[in-house]
Amino acid sequence: LDVKEVIQTPAGENMLDFGQNHAGLFR
């Protein structure tokens, strides 16, 4: 899966959304 969206949350966190809950590993 590719990153669907780069998000900065209301709390100021840098976050990535891969668009789908899944089991596995990131790199």
PDB file of all heavy atoms in Angstrom:
ATOM      1  N   LEU A   1       0.835  -1.197   0.000  1.00  0.00           N
ATOM      2  CA  LEU A   1       0.000   0.000   0.000  1.00  0.00           C
ATOM      3  C   LEU A   1       0.873   1.252   0.000  1.00  0.00           C
ATOM      4  O   LEU A   1       1.897   1.314   0.703  1.00  0.00           O
ATOM      5  CB  LEU A   1      -0.893   0.020   1.241  1.00  0.00           C
ATOM      6  CG  LEU A   1      -1.825  -1.175   1.456  1.00  0.00           C
ATOM      7  CD1 LEU A   1      -2.604  -1.002   2.754  1.00  0.00           C
ATOM      8  CD2 LEU A   1      -2.773  -1.346   0.283  1.00  0.00           C
ATOM      9  N   ASP A   2       0.472   2.234  -0.759  1.00  0.00           N
ATOM     10  CA  ASP A   2       1.119   3.538  -0.749  1.00  0.00           C
ATOM     11  C   ASP A   2       0.418   4.444   0.260  1.00  0.00           C
ATOM     12  O   ASP A   2      -0.716   4.188   0.677  1.00  0.00           O
ATOM     13  CB  ASP A   2       1.050   4.190  -2.136  1.00  0.00           C
ATOM     14  CG  ASP A   2       1.853   3.421  -3.173  1.00  0.00           C
ATOM     15  OD1 ASP A   2       2.922   2.906  -2.822  1.00  0.00           O
ATOM     16  OD2 ASP A   2       1.392   3.344  -4.334  1.00  0.00           O
ATOM     17  N   VAL A   3       1.086   5.509   0.629  1.00  0.00           N
ATOM     18  CA  VAL A   3       0.470   6.521   1.492  1.00  0.00           C
ATOM     19  C   VAL A   3      -0.639   7.221   0.718  1.00  0.00           C
ATOM     20  O   VAL A   3      -0.422   7.703  -0.401  1.00  0.00           O
ATOM     21  CB  VAL A   3       1.529   7.539   1.966  1.00  0.00           C
ATOM     22  CG1 VAL A   3       0.865   8.671   2.739  1.00  0.00           C
ATOM     23  CG2 VAL A   3       2.583   6.846   2.826  1.00  0.00           C
ATOM     24  N   LYS A   4      -1.831   7.273   1.318  1.00  0.00           N
ATOM     25  CA  LYS A   4      -2.957   7.958   0.683  1.00  0.00           C
ATOM     26  C   LYS A   4      -2.994   9.451   1.024  1.00  0.00           C
ATOM     27  O   LYS A   4      -3.420  10.271   0.215  1.00  0.00           O
ATOM     28  CB  LYS A   4      -4.277   7.314   1.109  1.00  0.00           C
ATOM     29  CG  LYS A   4      -4.422   5.864   0.699  1.00  0.00           C
ATOM     30  CD  LYS A   4      -4.410   5.701  -0.803  1.00  0.00           C
ATOM     31  CE  LYS A   4      -4.641   4.242  -1.203  1.00  0.00           C
ATOM     32  NZ  LYS A   4      -4.541   4.044  -2.663  1.00  0.00           N
ATOM     33  N   GLU A   5      -2.521   9.768   2.241  1.00  0.00           N
ATOM     34  CA  GLU A   5      -2.598  11.156   2.667  1.00  0.00           C
ATOM     35  C   GLU A   5      -1.583  11.415   3.767  1.00  0.00           C
ATOM     36  O   GLU A   5      -1.365  10.570   4.640  1.00  0.00           O
ATOM     37  CB  GLU A   5      -4.004  11.478   3.181  1.00  0.00           C
ATOM     38  CG  GLU A   5      -4.215  12.940   3.531  1.00  0.00           C
ATOM     39  CD  GLU A   5      -5.617  13.210   4.043  1.00  0.00           C
ATOM     40  OE1 GLU A   5      -6.407  12.242   4.177  1.00  0.00           O
ATOM     41  OE2 GLU A   5      -5.927  14.392   4.319  1.00  0.00           O
ATOM     42  N   VAL A   6      -0.950  12.573   3.700  1.00  0.00           N
ATOM     43  CA  VAL A   6      -0.111  13.054   4.797  1.00  0.00           C
ATOM     44  C   VAL A   6      -0.947  14.023   5.613  1.00  0.00           C
ATOM     45  O   VAL A   6      -1.523  14.974   5.074  1.00  0.00           O
ATOM     46  CB  VAL A   6       1.162  13.748   4.277  1.00  0.00           C
ATOM     47  CG1 VAL A   6       2.007  14.284   5.447  1.00  0.00           C
ATOM     48  CG2 VAL A   6       1.994  12.785   3.430  1.00  0.00           C
ATOM     49  N   ILE A   7      -1.032  13.763   6.927  1.00  0.00           N
ATOM     50  CA  ILE A   7      -1.950  14.515   7.773  1.00  0.00           C
ATOM     51  C   ILE A   7      -1.180  15.207   8.902  1.00  0.00           C
ATOM     52  O   ILE A   7      -0.298  14.593   9.516  1.00  0.00           O
ATOM     53  CB  ILE A   7      -3.007  13.578   8.407  1.00  0.00           C
ATOM     54  CG1 ILE A   7      -3.799  12.831   7.330  1.00  0.00           C
ATOM     55  CG2 ILE A   7      -3.947  14.348   9.336  1.00  0.00           C
ATOM     56  CD1 ILE A   7      -4.683  11.731   7.881  1.00  0.00           C
ATOM     57  N   GLN A   8      -1.535  16.442   9.170  1.00  0.00           N
ATOM     58  CA  GLN A   8      -1.123  17.070  10.425  1.00  0.00           C
ATOM     59  C   GLN A   8      -2.373  17.204  11.264  1.00  0.00           C
ATOM     60  O   GLN A   8      -3.333  17.893  10.890  1.00  0.00           O
ATOM     61  CB  GLN A   8      -0.456  18.428  10.216  1.00  0.00           C
ATOM     62  CG  GLN A   8       0.091  18.996  11.524  1.00  0.00           C
ATOM     63  CD  GLN A   8       1.035  20.159  11.324  1.00  0.00           C
ATOM     64  OE1 GLN A   8       0.725  21.072  10.572  1.00  0.00           O
ATOM     65  NE2 GLN A   8       2.167  20.135  12.011  1.00  0.00           N
ATOM     66  N   THR A   9      -2.375  16.517  12.394  1.00  0.00           N
ATOM     67  CA  THR A   9      -3.581  16.425  13.207  1.00  0.00           C
ATOM     68  C   THR A   9      -3.807  17.713  13.995  1.00  0.00           C
ATOM     69  O   THR A   9      -2.905  18.540  14.140  1.00  0.00           O
ATOM     70  CB  THR A   9      -3.473  15.251  14.191  1.00  0.00           C
ATOM     71  OG1 THR A   9      -2.490  15.569  15.199  1.00  0.00           O
ATOM     72  CG2 THR A   9      -3.076  13.981  13.472  1.00  0.00           C
ATOM     73  N   PRO A  10      -5.015  17.905  14.547  1.00  0.00           N
ATOM     74  CA  PRO A  10      -5.275  19.064  15.402  1.00  0.00           C
ATOM     75  C   PRO A  10      -4.304  19.169  16.578  1.00  0.00           C
ATOM     76  O   PRO A  10      -4.024  20.273  17.059  1.00  0.00           O
ATOM     77  CB  PRO A  10      -6.710  18.832  15.889  1.00  0.00           C
ATOM     78  CG  PRO A  10      -7.331  18.011  14.806  1.00  0.00           C
ATOM     79  CD  PRO A  10      -6.241  17.123  14.292  1.00  0.00           C
ATOM     80  N   ALA A  11      -3.767  18.001  17.003  1.00  0.00           N
ATOM     81  CA  ALA A  11      -2.808  18.005  18.115  1.00  0.00           C
ATOM     82  C   ALA A  11      -1.384  18.296  17.647  1.00  0.00           C
ATOM     83  O   ALA A  11      -0.453  18.280  18.450  1.00  0.00           O
ATOM     84  CB  ALA A  11      -2.843  16.663  18.841  1.00  0.00           C
ATOM     85  N   GLY A  12      -1.202  18.542  16.348  1.00  0.00           N
ATOM     86  CA  GLY A  12       0.117  18.864  15.819  1.00  0.00           C
ATOM     87  C   GLY A  12       0.973  17.671  15.475  1.00  0.00           C
ATOM     88  O   GLY A  12       2.186  17.806  15.283  1.00  0.00           O
ATOM     89  N   GLU A  13       0.360  16.489  15.354  1.00  0.00           N
ATOM     90  CA  GLU A  13       1.116  15.277  15.044  1.00  0.00           C
ATOM     91  C   GLU A  13       1.283  15.127  13.534  1.00  0.00           C
ATOM     92  O   GLU A  13       0.370  15.431  12.757  1.00  0.00           O
ATOM     93  CB  GLU A  13       0.369  14.049  15.587  1.00  0.00           C
ATOM     94  CG  GLU A  13       0.105  14.111  17.081  1.00  0.00           C
ATOM     95  CD  GLU A  13      -1.115  13.285  17.470  1.00  0.00           C
ATOM     96  OE1 GLU A  13      -2.132  13.347  16.736  1.00  0.00           O
ATOM     97  OE2 GLU A  13      -1.053  12.620  18.508  1.00  0.00           O
ATOM     98  N   ASN A  14       2.456  14.638  13.095  1.00  0.00           N
ATOM     99  CA  ASN A  14       2.673  14.299  11.693  1.00  0.00           C
ATOM    100  C   ASN A  14       2.279  12.841  11.493  1.00  0.00           C
ATOM    101  O   ASN A  14       2.813  11.941  12.142  1.00  0.00           O
ATOM    102  CB  ASN A  14       4.144  14.508  11.322  1.00  0.00           C
ATOM    103  CG  ASN A  14       4.528  15.975  11.319  1.00  0.00           C
ATOM    104  OD1 ASN A  14       3.742  16.828  10.909  1.00  0.00           O
ATOM    105  ND2 ASN A  14       5.732  16.282  11.781  1.00  0.00           N
ATOM    106  N   MET A  15       1.358  12.626  10.562  1.00  0.00           N
ATOM    107  CA  MET A  15       0.768  11.296  10.447  1.00  0.00           C
ATOM    108  C   MET A  15       0.568  10.911   8.976  1.00  0.00           C
ATOM    109  O   MET A  15       0.333  11.770   8.120  1.00  0.00           O
ATOM    110  CB  MET A  15      -0.568  11.251  11.189  1.00  0.00           C
ATOM    111  CG  MET A  15      -1.069   9.872  11.510  1.00  0.00           C
ATOM    112  SD  MET A  15      -2.417   9.963  12.714  1.00  0.00           S
ATOM    113  CE  MET A  15      -3.607  10.947  11.817  1.00  0.00           C
ATOM    114  N   LEU A  16       0.660   9.605   8.719  1.00  0.00           N
ATOM    115  CA  LEU A  16       0.427   9.052   7.394  1.00  0.00           C
ATOM    116  C   LEU A  16      -0.813   8.165   7.426  1.00  0.00           C
ATOM    117  O   LEU A  16      -1.019   7.410   8.382  1.00  0.00           O
ATOM    118  CB  LEU A  16       1.632   8.218   6.940  1.00  0.00           C
ATOM    119  CG  LEU A  16       2.988   8.926   6.930  1.00  0.00           C
ATOM    120  CD1 LEU A  16       4.090   7.940   6.583  1.00  0.00           C
ATOM    121  CD2 LEU A  16       2.987  10.096   5.951  1.00  0.00           C
ATOM    122  N   ASP A  17      -1.592   8.245   6.365  1.00  0.00           N
ATOM    123  CA  ASP A  17      -2.781   7.404   6.226  1.00  0.00           C
ATOM    124  C   ASP A  17      -2.570   6.489   5.026  1.00  0.00           C
ATOM    125  O   ASP A  17      -2.407   6.957   3.896  1.00  0.00           O
ATOM    126  CB  ASP A  17      -4.022   8.287   6.018  1.00  0.00           C
ATOM    127  CG  ASP A  17      -5.300   7.476   5.813  1.00  0.00           C
ATOM    128  OD1 ASP A  17      -5.259   6.233   5.947  1.00  0.00           O
ATOM    129  OD2 ASP A  17      -6.340   8.101   5.521  1.00  0.00           O
ATOM    130  N   PHE A  18      -2.569   5.170   5.286  1.00  0.00           N
ATOM    131  CA  PHE A  18      -2.408   4.197   4.203  1.00  0.00           C
ATOM    132  C   PHE A  18      -3.746   3.753   3.618  1.00  0.00           C
ATOM    133  O   PHE A  18      -3.773   2.905   2.731  1.00  0.00           O
ATOM    134  CB  PHE A  18      -1.616   2.985   4.699  1.00  0.00           C
ATOM    135  CG  PHE A  18      -0.155   3.281   4.938  1.00  0.00           C
ATOM    136  CD1 PHE A  18       0.304   3.587   6.206  1.00  0.00           C
ATOM    137  CD2 PHE A  18       0.740   3.276   3.884  1.00  0.00           C
ATOM    138  CE1 PHE A  18       1.651   3.878   6.427  1.00  0.00           C
ATOM    139  CE2 PHE A  18       2.081   3.565   4.096  1.00  0.00           C
ATOM    140  CZ  PHE A  18       2.534   3.869   5.371  1.00  0.00           C
ATOM    141  N   GLY A  19      -4.843   4.306   4.119  1.00  0.00           N
ATOM    142  CA  GLY A  19      -6.144   4.118   3.484  1.00  0.00           C
ATOM    143  C   GLY A  19      -6.871   2.842   3.819  1.00  0.00           C
ATOM    144  O   GLY A  19      -8.026   2.672   3.405  1.00  0.00           O
ATOM    145  N   GLN A  20      -6.258   1.933   4.564  1.00  0.00           N
ATOM    146  CA  GLN A  20      -6.871   0.623   4.781  1.00  0.00           C
ATOM    147  C   GLN A  20      -6.241  -0.031   6.000  1.00  0.00           C
ATOM    148  O   GLN A  20      -5.013  -0.117   6.105  1.00  0.00           O
ATOM    149  CB  GLN A  20      -6.647  -0.272   3.548  1.00  0.00           C
ATOM    150  CG  GLN A  20      -6.954  -1.733   3.743  1.00  0.00           C
ATOM    151  CD  GLN A  20      -8.442  -2.000   3.886  1.00  0.00           C
ATOM    152  OE1 GLN A  20      -9.228  -1.587   3.037  1.00  0.00           O
ATOM    153  NE2 GLN A  20      -8.831  -2.681   4.952  1.00  0.00           N
ATOM    154  N   ASN A  21      -7.058  -0.484   6.937  1.00  0.00           N
ATOM    155  CA  ASN A  21      -6.533  -1.302   8.024  1.00  0.00           C
ATOM    156  C   ASN A  21      -6.029  -2.626   7.464  1.00  0.00           C
ATOM    157  O   ASN A  21      -6.686  -3.245   6.610  1.00  0.00           O
ATOM    158  CB  ASN A  21      -7.613  -1.562   9.079  1.00  0.00           C
ATOM    159  CG  ASN A  21      -7.549  -0.566  10.214  1.00  0.00           C
ATOM    160  OD1 ASN A  21      -6.481  -0.324  10.775  1.00  0.00           O
ATOM    161  ND2 ASN A  21      -8.690   0.021  10.554  1.00  0.00           N
ATOM    162  N   HIS A  22      -4.905  -3.057   7.939  1.00  0.00           N
ATOM    163  CA  HIS A  22      -4.302  -4.286   7.418  1.00  0.00           C
ATOM    164  C   HIS A  22      -3.283  -4.815   8.429  1.00  0.00           C
ATOM    165  O   HIS A  22      -2.910  -4.124   9.378  1.00  0.00           O
ATOM    166  CB  HIS A  22      -3.606  -4.011   6.083  1.00  0.00           C
ATOM    167  CG  HIS A  22      -2.466  -3.061   6.190  1.00  0.00           C
ATOM    168  ND1 HIS A  22      -2.658  -1.692   6.279  1.00  0.00           N
ATOM    169  CD2 HIS A  22      -1.122  -3.248   6.268  1.00  0.00           C
ATOM    170  CE1 HIS A  22      -1.490  -1.088   6.382  1.00  0.00           C
ATOM    171  NE2 HIS A  22      -0.538  -2.013   6.388  1.00  0.00           N
ATOM    172  N   ALA A  23      -2.848  -6.031   8.209  1.00  0.00           N
ATOM    173  CA  ALA A  23      -1.791  -6.639   9.028  1.00  0.00           C
ATOM    174  C   ALA A  23      -0.537  -6.759   8.182  1.00  0.00           C
ATOM    175  O   ALA A  23      -0.589  -7.181   7.026  1.00  0.00           O
ATOM    176  CB  ALA A  23      -2.222  -8.010   9.535  1.00  0.00           C
ATOM    177  N   GLY A  24       0.596  -6.379   8.768  1.00  0.00           N
ATOM    178  CA  GLY A  24       1.837  -6.501   8.008  1.00  0.00           C
ATOM    179  C   GLY A  24       2.944  -5.667   8.601  1.00  0.00           C
ATOM    180  O   GLY A  24       2.969  -5.373   9.804  1.00  0.00           O
ATOM    181  N   LEU A  25       3.862  -5.264   7.758  1.00  0.00           N
ATOM    182  CA  LEU A  25       5.021  -4.468   8.151  1.00  0.00           C
ATOM    183  C   LEU A  25       5.127  -3.244   7.254  1.00  0.00           C
ATOM    184  O   LEU A  25       4.795  -3.311   6.068  1.00  0.00           O
ATOM    185  CB  LEU A  25       6.308  -5.285   8.040  1.00  0.00           C
ATOM    186  CG  LEU A  25       6.536  -6.374   9.086  1.00  0.00           C
ATOM    187  CD1 LEU A  25       7.733  -7.234   8.694  1.00  0.00           C
ATOM    188  CD2 LEU A  25       6.753  -5.768  10.464  1.00  0.00           C
ATOM    189  N   PHE A  26       5.616  -2.149   7.812  1.00  0.00           N
ATOM    190  CA  PHE A  26       5.913  -0.974   7.008  1.00  0.00           C
ATOM    191  C   PHE A  26       7.411  -0.922   6.731  1.00  0.00           C
ATOM    192  O   PHE A  26       8.203  -1.620   7.364  1.00  0.00           O
ATOM    193  CB  PHE A  26       5.461   0.305   7.718  1.00  0.00           C
ATOM    194  CG  PHE A  26       5.917   0.382   9.141  1.00  0.00           C
ATOM    195  CD1 PHE A  26       7.228   0.713   9.466  1.00  0.00           C
ATOM    196  CD2 PHE A  26       5.040   0.111  10.176  1.00  0.00           C
ATOM    197  CE1 PHE A  26       7.652   0.783  10.779  1.00  0.00           C
ATOM    198  CE2 PHE A  26       5.453   0.179  11.503  1.00  0.00           C
ATOM    199  CZ  PHE A  26       6.765   0.510  11.804  1.00  0.00           C
ATOM    200  N   ARG A  27       7.785  -0.103   5.782  1.00  0.00           N
ATOM    201  CA  ARG A  27       9.203   0.192   5.532  1.00  0.00           C
ATOM    202  C   ARG A  27       9.305   1.656   5.116  1.00  0.00           C
ATOM    203  O   ARG A  27       8.344   2.239   4.617  1.00  0.00           O
ATOM    204  CB  ARG A  27       9.799  -0.734   4.481  1.00  0.00           C
ATOM    205  CG  ARG A  27       9.033  -0.832   3.202  1.00  0.00           C
ATOM    206  CD  ARG A  27       9.527  -1.994   2.329  1.00  0.00           C
ATOM    207  NE  ARG A  27       8.558  -2.342   1.314  1.00  0.00           N
ATOM    208  CZ  ARG A  27       8.567  -1.909   0.066  1.00  0.00           C
ATOM    209  NH1 ARG A  27       9.537  -1.069  -0.329  1.00  0.00           N
ATOM    210  NH2 ARG A  27       7.653  -2.278  -0.798  1.00  0.00           N
TER     211      ARG A  27
END
